[in-house]
Protein backbone atom coordinates (compact mmCIF):
# COMPACT_ATOMS: atom_id res chain seq x y z
CA MET A 1 0.00 0.00 0.00
CA PRO A 2 2.87 2.53 0.23
CA LYS A 3 2.51 3.28 -3.48
CA LYS A 4 -1.09 4.43 -3.07
CA LYS A 5 -0.21 6.53 -0.02
CA THR A 6 2.69 8.23 -1.83
CA THR A 7 0.59 8.87 -4.93
CA THR A 8 -2.26 10.30 -2.87
CA LEU A 9 0.14 12.46 -0.87
CA PHE A 10 1.66 13.84 -4.08
CA GLU A 11 -1.70 14.49 -5.72
CA ASP A 12 -3.20 16.08 -2.61
CA SER A 13 -0.12 18.25 -2.10
CA LEU A 14 -0.15 19.37 -5.73
CA ALA A 15 -3.87 20.20 -5.60
CA GLU A 16 -3.41 22.25 -2.42
CA LEU A 17 -0.43 24.02 -3.95
CA GLU A 18 -2.49 24.95 -7.00
CA GLN A 19 -5.19 26.39 -4.73
CA LEU A 20 -2.63 28.44 -2.80
CA VAL A 21 -1.15 29.83 -6.00
CA SER A 22 -4.60 30.79 -7.23
CA GLN A 23 -5.37 32.60 -3.96
CA LEU A 24 -2.05 34.43 -4.02
CA GLU A 25 -2.54 35.47 -7.65
CA GLN A 26 -5.93 36.99 -6.83
CA GLY A 27 -4.30 39.25 -4.24
CA ASP A 28 -7.39 39.32 -2.02
CA ILE A 29 -5.67 38.20 1.19
CA SER A 30 -3.66 40.12 3.75
CA LEU A 31 0.11 40.25 3.77
CA GLU A 32 0.22 38.03 6.85
CA ASP A 33 -2.02 35.41 5.23
CA SER A 34 -0.01 35.67 2.02
CA LEU A 35 3.18 34.90 3.93
CA LYS A 36 1.54 31.93 5.64
CA SER A 37 0.30 30.67 2.28
CA PHE A 38 3.73 31.15 0.76
CA GLU A 39 5.36 29.20 3.59
CA ARG A 40 2.80 26.40 3.18
CA GLY A 41 3.47 26.42 -0.55
CA VAL A 42 7.20 26.00 -0.01
CA ASN A 43 6.54 22.98 2.22
CA LEU A 44 4.15 21.47 -0.31
CA THR A 45 6.69 22.01 -3.08
CA ARG A 46 9.31 20.15 -1.08
CA THR A 47 6.87 17.29 -0.49
CA CYS A 48 6.13 17.06 -4.22
CA GLN A 49 9.82 17.23 -5.15
CA LYS A 50 10.63 14.43 -2.71
CA ALA A 51 7.85 12.24 -4.14
CA LEU A 52 9.11 12.87 -7.68
CA GLN A 53 12.70 12.09 -6.69
CA ASP A 54 11.57 8.84 -5.09
CA ALA A 55 9.64 7.91 -8.23
CA GLU A 56 12.64 8.71 -10.43
CA GLN A 57 14.86 6.54 -8.26
CA LYS A 58 12.41 3.65 -8.52
CA VAL A 59 12.33 3.99 -12.32
CA GLN A 60 16.14 3.95 -12.46
CA ILE A 61 16.25 0.82 -10.34
CA LEU A 62 13.67 -0.88 -12.54
CA LEU A 63 15.60 0.01 -15.71
CA GLU A 64 18.93 -1.17 -14.34
CA LYS A 65 20.07 -4.47 -15.82
CA ASN A 66 23.26 -6.35 -14.96
CA GLY A 67 24.63 -3.38 -13.05
CA THR A 68 24.26 -0.91 -15.91
CA LEU A 69 21.49 1.50 -16.74
CA SER A 70 19.54 0.51 -19.81
CA LEU A 71 17.26 3.17 -21.28
CA GLU A 72 14.26 1.82 -23.15
CA SER A 73 11.97 3.62 -25.56
CA PHE A 74 8.30 4.03 -24.68
CA THR A 75 7.36 3.41 -28.31
CA ASP A 76 7.40 0.09 -30.15
CA GLU A 77 9.86 1.36 -32.77
């Protein structure tokens, strides 16, 4: 189940980050609330980056064959 939890965490974090950006772009909130939203956004960005790094590492491990990295095309060509 860790895969589902990580995916949900990433998706939820990204959705919340998008909402924060939208609120900040509207400019309807106070400076104090803007700073709090910005700080939350930085934390969400770090969470998303970590999830993406973990996914990239898993892909690299899956593509590794006989101790060397083997890149494979997504197409059937």
